[in-house]
N, C-alpha and C. Protein backbone atom coordinates (compact mmCIF):
# COMPACT_ATOMS: atom_id res chain seq x y z
N MET A 1 0.70 -1.69 -0.12
CA MET A 1 -0.30 0.57 0.11
C MET A 1 0.89 1.14 -0.07
N LEU A 2 0.17 2.37 -0.52
CA LEU A 2 0.96 3.55 -0.53
C LEU A 2 1.73 4.11 0.00
N PHE A 3 0.80 3.92 1.23
CA PHE A 3 0.76 5.25 2.79
C PHE A 3 0.85 4.17 3.51
N ALA A 4 0.62 3.30 3.44
CA ALA A 4 0.87 1.85 4.90
C ALA A 4 2.15 2.62 5.76
N PRO A 5 1.00 2.83 6.95
CA PRO A 5 -0.28 1.86 7.65
C PRO A 5 -0.58 2.28 7.19
N LEU A 6 -0.73 3.74 6.96
CA LEU A 6 -2.04 5.34 6.96
C LEU A 6 -3.23 4.83 6.28
N ARG A 7 -4.41 4.67 6.87
CA ARG A 7 -5.25 4.55 6.08
C ARG A 7 -6.46 5.86 6.16
N LEU A 8 -7.05 6.26 5.10
CA LEU A 8 -7.55 7.32 4.77
C LEU A 8 -9.20 7.11 4.20
N PRO A 9 -10.01 7.59 4.74
CA PRO A 9 -11.05 8.13 3.52
C PRO A 9 -11.20 7.76 2.53
N ALA A 10 -11.60 7.15 1.40
CA ALA A 10 -10.33 7.92 -0.18
C ALA A 10 -12.09 7.16 -1.09
N SER A 11 -11.50 7.25 -2.39
CA SER A 11 -12.08 6.88 -3.35
C SER A 11 -11.66 6.90 -4.43
N GLY A 12 -12.53 6.49 -5.57
CA GLY A 12 -11.84 5.55 -6.71
C GLY A 12 -12.31 5.57 -7.49
N ILE A 13 -11.74 5.28 -9.10
CA ILE A 13 -12.34 5.32 -9.80
C ILE A 13 -13.56 5.98 -10.70
N HIS A 14 -13.02 7.96 -10.62
CA HIS A 14 -14.04 8.61 -11.10
C HIS A 14 -15.73 7.63 -9.91
N GLY A 15 -15.31 8.03 -8.03
CA GLY A 15 -16.40 7.56 -7.81
C GLY A 15 -16.98 6.51 -7.35
N ALA A 16 -16.36 4.83 -8.36
CA ALA A 16 -16.90 4.03 -8.72
C ALA A 16 -17.26 3.31 -7.52
N GLN A 17 -15.33 3.53 -7.08
CA GLN A 17 -15.30 2.59 -5.12
C GLN A 17 -15.11 3.92 -3.91
N LEU A 18 -16.00 3.45 -3.53
CA LEU A 18 -15.74 4.60 -1.65
C LEU A 18 -15.28 3.44 -0.40
N ARG A 19 -14.40 4.46 0.23
CA ARG A 19 -13.63 3.65 1.33
C ARG A 19 -14.31 4.51 2.23
N ARG A 20 -14.96 4.48 2.88
CA ARG A 20 -15.89 5.68 3.76
C ARG A 20 -15.05 6.07 5.14
N THR A 21 -14.45 5.01 5.99
CA THR A 21 -13.89 5.58 6.97
C THR A 21 -12.87 4.53 6.91
N PRO A 22 -11.66 5.28 7.79
CA PRO A 22 -10.46 4.16 7.86
C PRO A 22 -10.90 1.95 7.16
N GLU A 23 -12.09 2.76 8.90
CA GLU A 23 -11.96 1.41 9.27
C GLU A 23 -12.98 0.42 7.85
N HIS A 24 -13.23 1.13 7.25
CA HIS A 24 -14.29 0.14 6.35
C HIS A 24 -13.71 -0.53 4.99
N PRO A 25 -14.38 -1.64 4.52
CA PRO A 25 -14.00 -1.95 3.11
C PRO A 25 -14.29 -0.79 3.03
N ILE A 26 -12.92 -1.00 1.51
CA ILE A 26 -13.85 0.15 -0.17
C ILE A 26 -14.83 -1.43 -0.96
N SER A 27 -16.21 0.27 -0.82
CA SER A 27 -17.88 -0.52 -1.64
C SER A 27 -17.64 -0.06 -2.48
N ASP A 28 -18.08 -0.75 -4.09
CA ASP A 28 -18.10 -0.56 -4.90
C ASP A 28 -19.18 0.72 -5.10
N ALA A 29 -20.02 1.03 -4.18
CA ALA A 29 -20.96 1.79 -4.58
C ALA A 29 -22.01 1.18 -5.70
N GLY A 30 -22.70 0.26 -5.59
CA GLY A 30 -23.17 -1.01 -6.71
C GLY A 30 -22.93 -0.21 -8.03
N PHE A 31 -21.72 0.05 -9.13
CA PHE A 31 -21.60 0.50 -10.46
C PHE A 31 -21.00 -1.35 -9.93
N PRO A 32 -21.94 -1.50 -12.20
CA PRO A 32 -21.55 -2.25 -12.31
C PRO A 32 -20.11 -2.38 -12.96
N ASP A 33 -19.24 -3.72 -12.91
CA ASP A 33 -17.95 -3.54 -13.93
C ASP A 33 -18.63 -3.74 -15.19
N ILE A 34 -16.95 -3.42 -15.95
CA ILE A 34 -16.98 -3.45 -17.40
C ILE A 34 -17.46 -4.01 -17.75
N PRO A 35 -18.46 -4.57 -19.28
CA PRO A 35 -19.12 -5.69 -19.67
C PRO A 35 -17.72 -6.82 -20.24
N PRO A 36 -16.97 -7.95 -19.82
CA PRO A 36 -16.51 -8.29 -20.59
C PRO A 36 -16.04 -8.42 -22.65
N SER A 37 -17.74 -7.87 -23.48
CA SER A 37 -17.32 -7.55 -24.41
C SER A 37 -16.59 -6.93 -24.91
N VAL A 38 -17.17 -5.18 -24.29
CA VAL A 38 -16.86 -4.31 -23.70
C VAL A 38 -15.28 -4.32 -23.72
N GLU A 39 -14.73 -4.75 -23.04
CA GLU A 39 -13.00 -5.32 -22.69
C GLU A 39 -12.18 -5.11 -23.88
N LYS A 40 -13.02 -6.35 -24.47
CA LYS A 40 -12.13 -6.89 -26.23
C LYS A 40 -12.37 -6.30 -26.87
N ILE A 41 -13.12 -5.32 -26.83
CA ILE A 41 -13.39 -3.97 -28.58
C ILE A 41 -12.73 -2.94 -27.95
N VAL A 42 -12.74 -2.43 -26.49
CA VAL A 42 -11.61 -1.45 -26.46
C VAL A 42 -9.94 -1.93 -26.56
N GLU A 43 -10.19 -3.54 -26.18
CA GLU A 43 -8.26 -4.04 -26.23
C GLU A 43 -7.80 -4.10 -27.59
N ASP A 44 -9.22 -4.43 -28.08
CA ASP A 44 -9.10 -5.25 -29.57
C ASP A 44 -8.11 -3.46 -31.12
N VAL A 45 -8.83 -2.24 -30.32
CA VAL A 45 -9.45 -1.01 -31.13
C VAL A 45 -8.28 -0.31 -30.92
N ALA A 46 -7.21 -0.41 -28.99
CA ALA A 46 -6.12 -0.34 -28.61
C ALA A 46 -4.91 -0.79 -29.24
N ALA A 47 -4.79 -2.10 -29.73
CA ALA A 47 -4.11 -2.48 -29.90
C ALA A 47 -4.03 -2.42 -31.77
N ARG A 48 -4.51 -1.55 -32.58
CA ARG A 48 -4.12 -1.28 -33.55
C ARG A 48 -3.56 0.17 -33.63
N HIS A 49 -3.59 0.53 -32.45
CA HIS A 49 -2.74 2.13 -31.91
C HIS A 49 -1.51 1.21 -31.69
N ALA A 50 -0.26 1.71 -31.99
CA ALA A 50 1.03 1.23 -31.08
C ALA A 50 1.48 2.38 -29.82
N GLY A 51 1.98 1.55 -28.84
CA GLY A 51 1.71 2.87 -27.82
C GLY A 51 1.26 2.56 -27.00
N VAL A 52 -0.63 2.34 -27.72
CA VAL A 52 -1.74 2.12 -26.71
C VAL A 52 -1.90 1.27 -25.51
N PHE A 53 -1.98 1.39 -24.43
CA PHE A 53 -2.26 0.03 -23.65
C PHE A 53 -3.19 0.81 -22.65
N VAL A 54 -3.91 -0.49 -22.60
CA VAL A 54 -5.74 -0.25 -21.70
C VAL A 54 -5.58 -0.61 -20.49
N GLU A 55 -6.21 -0.18 -19.36
CA GLU A 55 -5.62 0.17 -17.64
C GLU A 55 -6.96 -0.96 -17.31
N HIS A 56 -7.14 -2.50 -16.90
CA HIS A 56 -8.63 -2.63 -15.99
C HIS A 56 -8.64 -1.71 -15.50
N LYS A 57 -9.68 -1.17 -15.00
CA LYS A 57 -9.62 -1.07 -12.84
C LYS A 57 -11.27 -1.63 -13.08
N GLY A 58 -11.98 -2.75 -13.63
CA GLY A 58 -13.39 -3.33 -13.33
C GLY A 58 -14.25 -2.28 -13.04
N LYS A 59 -14.14 -1.04 -12.25
CA LYS A 59 -16.11 -0.60 -13.04
C LYS A 59 -15.18 0.94 -14.23
N ALA A 60 -13.67 0.62 -14.71
CA ALA A 60 -13.63 1.81 -16.24
C ALA A 60 -12.67 1.03 -16.35
N LEU A 61 -12.44 1.11 -18.23
CA LEU A 61 -11.57 1.08 -18.82
C LEU A 61 -10.51 2.84 -18.65
N ALA A 62 -9.68 2.34 -18.17
CA ALA A 62 -8.59 3.41 -18.67
C ALA A 62 -7.72 3.72 -19.72
N VAL A 63 -7.68 4.02 -20.65
CA VAL A 63 -6.97 4.22 -22.61
C VAL A 63 -6.20 4.90 -22.45
N HIS A 64 -4.71 4.47 -22.23
CA HIS A 64 -3.76 5.59 -22.02
C HIS A 64 -2.16 5.64 -23.90
N TRP A 65 -3.09 7.01 -23.96
CA TRP A 65 -1.55 6.72 -25.38
C TRP A 65 -1.20 7.87 -24.74
N ARG A 66 -0.65 8.30 -23.81
CA ARG A 66 0.55 9.00 -23.72
C ARG A 66 1.68 8.76 -24.68
N ALA A 67 2.15 7.38 -25.23
CA ALA A 67 3.02 7.64 -26.57
C ALA A 67 3.09 7.35 -27.88
N ALA A 68 1.96 7.12 -27.77
CA ALA A 68 0.98 7.52 -29.01
C ALA A 68 0.05 9.21 -29.33
N GLN A 69 0.43 10.05 -28.86
CA GLN A 69 -0.50 11.49 -28.94
C GLN A 69 -0.90 11.45 -30.46
N ASP A 70 0.61 11.10 -31.17
CA ASP A 70 0.35 11.51 -32.90
C ASP A 70 -1.60 10.76 -33.13
N ARG A 71 -1.61 9.71 -32.94
CA ARG A 71 -3.34 8.55 -32.69
C ARG A 71 -3.93 9.56 -32.00
N GLU A 72 -3.78 10.48 -30.99
CA GLU A 72 -5.52 10.86 -30.19
C GLU A 72 -6.82 11.25 -30.32
N HIS A 73 -6.85 11.54 -31.75
CA HIS A 73 -7.93 11.54 -33.23
C HIS A 73 -8.28 10.53 -33.38
N ALA A 74 -7.63 9.57 -33.53
CA ALA A 74 -8.19 8.44 -34.23
C ALA A 74 -8.63 6.92 -33.67
N LEU A 75 -7.90 7.78 -32.68
CA LEU A 75 -8.39 6.58 -31.95
C LEU A 75 -9.77 7.07 -30.54
N TRP A 76 -8.78 8.16 -30.33
CA TRP A 76 -10.55 8.86 -30.23
C TRP A 76 -12.75 8.71 -31.15
N ASP A 77 -11.68 8.71 -31.76
CA ASP A 77 -12.97 8.65 -32.33
C ASP A 77 -13.48 7.14 -32.81
N GLU A 78 -12.48 5.89 -32.96
CA GLU A 78 -12.53 4.34 -33.17
C GLU A 78 -12.70 3.76 -31.54
N LEU A 79 -12.82 4.41 -30.52
CA LEU A 79 -13.00 4.00 -29.39
C LEU A 79 -14.56 4.39 -29.52
N GLY A 80 -14.42 6.03 -29.83
CA GLY A 80 -16.08 6.03 -29.48
C GLY A 80 -17.55 5.44 -30.36
N ALA A 81 -16.82 4.84 -31.40
CA ALA A 81 -17.84 4.16 -32.55
C ALA A 81 -17.82 3.38 -31.12
N ALA A 82 -17.10 2.46 -31.24
CA ALA A 82 -16.36 1.01 -30.50
C ALA A 82 -17.94 0.47 -29.87
N VAL A 83 -17.54 1.76 -28.76
CA VAL A 83 -17.86 1.58 -27.09
C VAL A 83 -19.45 1.77 -27.55
N GLU A 84 -19.76 3.14 -28.49
CA GLU A 84 -21.21 3.69 -28.78
C GLU A 84 -21.99 2.21 -28.86
N ARG A 85 -21.98 1.33 -30.36
CA ARG A 85 -21.95 -0.13 -30.72
C ARG A 85 -22.28 -0.86 -29.45
N MET A 86 -21.34 -1.24 -28.65
CA MET A 86 -21.55 -2.43 -28.11
C MET A 86 -22.09 -1.94 -26.40
N GLU A 87 -22.14 -1.12 -25.60
CA GLU A 87 -22.61 -0.52 -24.71
C GLU A 87 -23.33 1.55 -24.96
N PRO A 88 -23.26 2.20 -25.66
CA PRO A 88 -24.15 2.97 -26.10
C PRO A 88 -24.58 3.63 -23.60
N GLU A 89 -24.86 3.01 -23.23
CA GLU A 89 -25.23 3.77 -21.74
C GLU A 89 -23.47 4.47 -21.61
N LEU A 90 -22.39 3.86 -21.41
CA LEU A 90 -21.27 4.02 -20.59
C LEU A 90 -20.95 5.37 -21.79
N VAL A 91 -19.61 5.82 -21.02
CA VAL A 91 -19.35 7.67 -21.22
C VAL A 91 -18.41 6.78 -22.19
N ILE A 92 -17.03 7.72 -22.36
CA ILE A 92 -16.03 7.81 -22.38
C ILE A 92 -15.54 9.58 -22.54
N LEU A 93 -14.73 9.74 -20.99
CA LEU A 93 -13.78 11.03 -20.32
C LEU A 93 -12.59 11.00 -21.56
N ARG A 94 -12.26 11.91 -21.73
CA ARG A 94 -11.21 12.47 -22.35
C ARG A 94 -10.08 13.11 -21.15
N GLY A 95 -8.78 12.99 -20.94
CA GLY A 95 -8.37 13.09 -20.34
C GLY A 95 -7.05 13.53 -20.04
N HIS A 96 -5.50 13.57 -19.37
CA HIS A 96 -4.71 14.41 -20.02
C HIS A 96 -3.94 12.94 -20.18
N CYS A 97 -4.23 12.63 -21.99
CA CYS A 97 -3.18 11.14 -22.68
C CYS A 97 -4.05 9.81 -21.51
N VAL A 98 -5.06 10.26 -21.53
CA VAL A 98 -6.04 8.84 -21.14
C VAL A 98 -7.70 9.31 -21.71
N PHE A 99 -8.06 8.92 -22.19
CA PHE A 99 -9.69 8.56 -22.67
C PHE A 99 -10.17 7.00 -21.30
N GLU A 100 -11.24 7.66 -20.70
CA GLU A 100 -12.02 6.78 -19.41
C GLU A 100 -13.11 5.62 -19.76
N VAL A 101 -13.54 4.80 -19.93
CA VAL A 101 -14.25 4.43 -20.43
C VAL A 101 -14.93 3.83 -18.74
N LYS A 102 -15.79 4.54 -19.12
CA LYS A 102 -17.32 4.22 -16.94
C LYS A 102 -18.52 4.55 -17.55
N SER A 103 -19.23 4.12 -16.50
CA SER A 103 -20.36 4.67 -16.29
C SER A 103 -21.18 6.30 -15.87
N PRO A 104 -21.84 6.75 -16.74
CA PRO A 104 -21.94 8.35 -16.52
C PRO A 104 -22.38 8.53 -15.56
N SER A 105 -22.92 8.14 -14.47
CA SER A 105 -23.87 8.01 -13.50
C SER A 105 -22.72 8.07 -12.15
N SER A 106 -21.29 7.30 -12.35
CA SER A 106 -19.99 7.82 -11.53
C SER A 106 -18.63 8.70 -11.77
N THR A 107 -18.93 9.42 -10.35
CA THR A 107 -18.19 11.42 -10.78
C THR A 107 -17.42 10.80 -9.39
N LYS A 108 -16.37 11.74 -9.27
CA LYS A 108 -15.87 12.82 -8.69
C LYS A 108 -17.13 12.78 -7.52
N GLY A 109 -17.92 13.68 -8.31
CA GLY A 109 -18.76 14.30 -7.44
C GLY A 109 -19.81 14.72 -6.33
N GLU A 110 -19.79 13.21 -7.39
CA GLU A 110 -20.55 12.53 -6.35
C GLU A 110 -20.60 11.24 -5.09
N ALA A 111 -18.45 11.24 -5.65
CA ALA A 111 -17.78 10.65 -4.47
C ALA A 111 -17.90 12.39 -3.36
N VAL A 112 -17.96 12.87 -3.32
CA VAL A 112 -17.40 14.12 -2.32
C VAL A 112 -19.14 14.43 -1.82
N ARG A 113 -20.07 14.37 -3.26
CA ARG A 113 -21.21 14.76 -2.02
C ARG A 113 -21.43 13.10 -0.68
N ASP A 114 -21.02 12.22 -1.39
CA ASP A 114 -21.21 10.63 -0.74
C ASP A 114 -20.64 11.31 1.04
N PHE A 115 -19.18 11.70 0.35
CA PHE A 115 -18.23 11.79 1.67
C PHE A 115 -18.61 13.20 2.81
N MET A 116 -19.42 14.20 2.32
CA MET A 116 -19.46 15.42 2.69
C MET A 116 -21.47 15.22 3.87
N GLU A 117 -21.35 14.02 3.49
CA GLU A 117 -22.55 13.27 4.19
C GLU A 117 -22.45 11.98 5.25
N THR A 118 -21.25 11.83 5.53
CA THR A 118 -20.44 11.77 6.67
C THR A 118 -19.65 11.76 7.68
N GLU A 119 -19.55 11.48 9.03
CA GLU A 119 -18.52 12.12 9.63
C GLU A 119 -17.04 11.58 9.07
N PRO A 120 -16.31 12.42 9.09
CA PRO A 120 -16.08 13.55 10.24
C PRO A 120 -16.03 14.95 8.69
N PHE A 121 -16.32 14.14 7.09
CA PHE A 121 -16.91 15.42 7.42
C PHE A 121 -17.85 15.60 6.78
N ALA A 122 -18.93 15.64 7.33
CA ALA A 122 -20.73 16.77 7.25
C ALA A 122 -20.35 17.23 8.17
N GLY A 123 -21.00 18.20 7.52
CA GLY A 123 -20.57 20.19 8.35
C GLY A 123 -19.10 21.01 8.47
N ARG A 124 -18.71 20.08 7.55
CA ARG A 124 -17.13 21.19 6.80
C ARG A 124 -17.08 21.71 5.38
N ILE A 125 -16.15 22.56 5.63
CA ILE A 125 -16.07 23.30 3.89
C ILE A 125 -15.39 22.01 3.18
N PRO A 126 -16.04 22.23 2.24
CA PRO A 126 -15.49 20.73 1.30
C PRO A 126 -13.42 21.22 0.75
N ILE A 127 -12.39 20.80 0.64
CA ILE A 127 -11.52 20.97 -0.61
C ILE A 127 -11.19 20.65 -1.79
N PHE A 128 -11.54 21.21 -3.12
CA PHE A 128 -10.81 19.52 -3.59
C PHE A 128 -8.99 20.15 -4.41
N ILE A 129 -8.54 19.80 -5.09
CA ILE A 129 -7.56 19.45 -5.66
C ILE A 129 -7.48 18.64 -7.85
N GLY A 130 -7.32 18.86 -8.12
CA GLY A 130 -7.32 17.95 -9.06
C GLY A 130 -6.74 19.24 -10.21
N ASP A 131 -6.02 17.86 -11.29
CA ASP A 131 -5.41 18.55 -12.63
C ASP A 131 -5.80 18.04 -13.56
N ASP A 132 -6.99 17.36 -13.82
CA ASP A 132 -7.31 16.36 -14.78
C ASP A 132 -8.93 17.65 -15.33
N VAL A 133 -9.35 16.94 -16.23
CA VAL A 133 -11.41 17.68 -16.47
C VAL A 133 -11.66 16.87 -16.00
N THR A 134 -11.51 15.61 -15.70
CA THR A 134 -11.66 14.04 -15.46
C THR A 134 -12.43 14.81 -13.88
N ASP A 135 -11.95 15.76 -13.22
CA ASP A 135 -12.13 16.69 -12.09
C ASP A 135 -12.70 17.20 -11.96
N ILE A 136 -13.35 18.46 -13.08
CA ILE A 136 -14.87 18.89 -13.04
C ILE A 136 -16.08 18.34 -11.61
N ALA A 137 -16.11 17.74 -12.38
CA ALA A 137 -17.88 17.26 -11.30
C ALA A 137 -17.38 17.66 -9.97
N GLY A 138 -15.74 17.26 -9.33
CA GLY A 138 -15.30 16.88 -8.37
C GLY A 138 -15.79 18.21 -7.45
N PHE A 139 -15.25 19.33 -8.76
CA PHE A 139 -15.15 20.96 -8.68
C PHE A 139 -16.41 21.40 -7.68
N ALA A 140 -17.66 21.31 -9.12
CA ALA A 140 -19.34 21.72 -9.11
C ALA A 140 -19.20 21.53 -7.65
N ALA A 141 -19.13 19.58 -7.17
CA ALA A 141 -19.69 19.37 -6.38
C ALA A 141 -19.04 19.83 -5.05
N VAL A 142 -17.84 20.68 -4.75
CA VAL A 142 -17.13 21.37 -3.49
C VAL A 142 -18.36 22.61 -3.72
N LYS A 143 -18.63 23.58 -5.06
CA LYS A 143 -18.81 24.68 -4.92
C LYS A 143 -20.00 24.48 -4.29
N ALA A 144 -20.77 23.53 -4.98
CA ALA A 144 -22.57 23.19 -4.73
C ALA A 144 -22.76 23.36 -3.30
N LEU A 145 -21.40 22.79 -2.32
CA LEU A 145 -21.77 22.55 -1.44
C LEU A 145 -20.76 23.70 -0.42
N GLY A 146 -20.60 24.76 -0.55
CA GLY A 146 -19.85 25.97 0.56
C GLY A 146 -18.34 25.26 -0.26
N GLY A 147 -17.98 24.74 -0.69
CA GLY A 147 -16.12 24.91 -0.71
C GLY A 147 -15.51 25.30 -1.77
N HIS A 148 -14.33 25.17 -2.00
CA HIS A 148 -13.55 25.95 -2.76
C HIS A 148 -12.51 24.64 -3.62
N ALA A 149 -12.73 24.86 -4.81
CA ALA A 149 -12.46 24.13 -5.67
C ALA A 149 -10.61 25.07 -6.36
N PHE A 150 -9.43 23.90 -6.68
CA PHE A 150 -8.21 24.63 -7.08
C PHE A 150 -8.09 23.39 -7.93
N SER A 151 -7.58 23.85 -8.98
CA SER A 151 -6.80 23.19 -10.35
C SER A 151 -5.26 23.27 -10.43
N VAL A 152 -4.82 22.27 -10.98
CA VAL A 152 -2.99 22.29 -10.79
C VAL A 152 -2.45 22.98 -12.28
N GLY A 153 -1.86 23.20 -12.56
CA GLY A 153 -1.12 23.67 -13.44
C GLY A 153 -1.97 23.62 -14.75
N ARG A 154 -2.87 23.93 -14.71
CA ARG A 154 -3.30 24.91 -15.87
C ARG A 154 -5.00 25.32 -15.49
N LYS A 155 -5.98 26.50 -15.69
CA LYS A 155 -7.25 26.68 -14.72
C LYS A 155 -7.95 25.73 -15.46
N LEU A 156 -8.81 25.24 -14.54
CA LEU A 156 -10.15 24.09 -15.56
C LEU A 156 -11.45 24.88 -14.88
N GLU A 157 -12.11 24.43 -16.27
CA GLU A 157 -14.00 25.28 -15.29
C GLU A 157 -14.13 24.46 -14.18
N GLY A 158 -14.27 25.06 -13.20
CA GLY A 158 -14.53 25.53 -12.06
C GLY A 158 -14.05 25.98 -10.84
N ALA A 159 -12.58 25.91 -11.12
CA ALA A 159 -11.76 25.98 -10.35
C ALA A 159 -11.48 27.78 -9.37
N ASP A 160 -11.56 28.11 -8.09
CA ASP A 160 -11.08 29.02 -8.13
C ASP A 160 -9.83 29.73 -7.96
N ALA A 161 -8.97 28.76 -8.19
CA ALA A 161 -7.37 29.52 -8.06
C ALA A 161 -6.71 28.11 -8.83
N VAL A 162 -5.67 28.48 -9.25
CA VAL A 162 -4.45 27.71 -9.79
C VAL A 162 -3.15 27.61 -9.03
N PHE A 163 -2.93 25.76 -8.80
CA PHE A 163 -1.38 26.65 -8.08
C PHE A 163 -0.54 25.77 -9.61
N LYS A 164 1.17 26.01 -9.02
CA LYS A 164 0.69 25.99 -10.38
C LYS A 164 1.91 24.31 -10.75
N SER A 165 1.89 23.57 -9.93
CA SER A 165 3.03 22.77 -9.63
C SER A 165 1.97 21.91 -8.39
N PRO A 166 2.63 20.52 -8.66
CA PRO A 166 2.52 19.75 -7.18
C PRO A 166 3.14 20.00 -6.24
N ALA A 167 4.01 20.61 -6.58
CA ALA A 167 5.21 21.08 -5.23
C ALA A 167 4.01 22.15 -4.38
N GLU A 168 3.71 22.97 -5.87
CA GLU A 168 2.90 24.46 -4.95
C GLU A 168 1.95 24.26 -4.15
N VAL A 169 1.23 22.54 -4.49
CA VAL A 169 0.20 22.37 -3.64
C VAL A 169 0.71 21.44 -2.33
N ARG A 170 2.08 20.87 -2.36
CA ARG A 170 2.37 19.98 -1.12
C ARG A 170 2.81 21.75 -0.17
N ALA A 171 3.81 22.06 -0.89
CA ALA A 171 3.63 23.74 0.36
C ALA A 171 3.43 23.78 0.70
N TRP A 172 1.11 24.29 0.46
CA TRP A 172 0.79 25.18 0.38
C TRP A 172 -0.60 24.57 1.98
N LEU A 173 -0.50 23.12 1.31
CA LEU A 173 -0.44 21.68 2.53
C LEU A 173 0.66 22.06 4.01
N GLY A 174 1.44 22.50 3.39
CA GLY A 174 2.71 22.50 4.56
C GLY A 174 2.53 23.49 5.42
N GLY A 175 1.95 24.07 4.70
CA GLY A 175 1.84 25.31 5.62
C GLY A 175 0.54 25.56 6.80
N LEU A 176 -0.46 24.94 6.02
CA LEU A 176 -2.14 24.79 6.14
C LEU A 176 -1.73 23.56 7.28
N ILE A 177 -1.29 22.75 7.52
CA ILE A 177 -0.92 21.98 8.56
C ILE A 177 0.46 22.56 9.79
N ALA A 178 1.18 23.23 9.34
CA ALA A 178 1.64 23.83 10.22
C ALA A 178 0.70 25.75 10.81
N THR A 179 -0.05 26.15 10.42
CA THR A 179 -0.99 27.25 11.07
C THR A 179 -1.61 25.92 11.76
N ARG A 180 -1.68 25.42 11.54
CA ARG A 180 -2.79 24.88 12.38
C ARG A 180 -2.20 23.94 13.87
N GLN A 181 -0.70 23.23 13.87
CA GLN A 181 0.38 23.53 15.31
C GLN A 181 0.34 24.43 15.81
N GLU A 182 0.67 25.75 15.98
CA GLU A 182 1.20 26.58 15.88
C GLU A 182 -0.90 27.65 17.15
N ALA A 183 -1.73 26.98 16.23
CA ALA A 183 -3.00 27.32 16.72
C ALA A 183 -3.54 26.56 17.70
N ARG A 184 -3.05 25.50 17.85
CA ARG A 184 -3.38 24.82 19.04
C ARG A 184 -1.56 23.81 20.25
N ARG A 185 -0.73 25.04 20.28
CA ARG A 185 -0.07 25.20 20.80
C ARG A 185 -0.57 26.71 21.93
N ALA A 186 -0.67 27.32 20.89
CA ALA A 186 -1.39 28.96 21.96
C ALA A 186 -3.31 28.51 22.77
């Protein structure tokens, strides 16, 4: 585990998986897995594009094309046609050098709303920091709940402000922690 022994509330796969508290197991939030027939057709499309690979996430498929950026538009067109033909209720999200095939009802915004109904988050002001268009639903959710949204690297729709880099985010978070520790000592 990346942060072991630390266990935090967490969300994955655009809100399709949730761990509401450190003590709870990860739940799948009721979203179905991507059907094997869709997995196969997405794999077939990816195989026609050198440098493209598919990451199987269960509730979603991530089609990575960082090593084949010249294939972006052709890959998008082929994936869209294939998924529409096989499973029209699925959506394809465009991320940074990745296309995500998933259910339209699982979003980072839904995960935010779910967390904000659970202790210790209920009644607090949410903050969402993201760096990709797939984070825009999370921005909208925190804003609707009276919170703040920040993008990293570039201004994304719904963001209140932009951090220049991940290092700037870490510095800001470190400053918040230091301020809180000073307030506790006072």
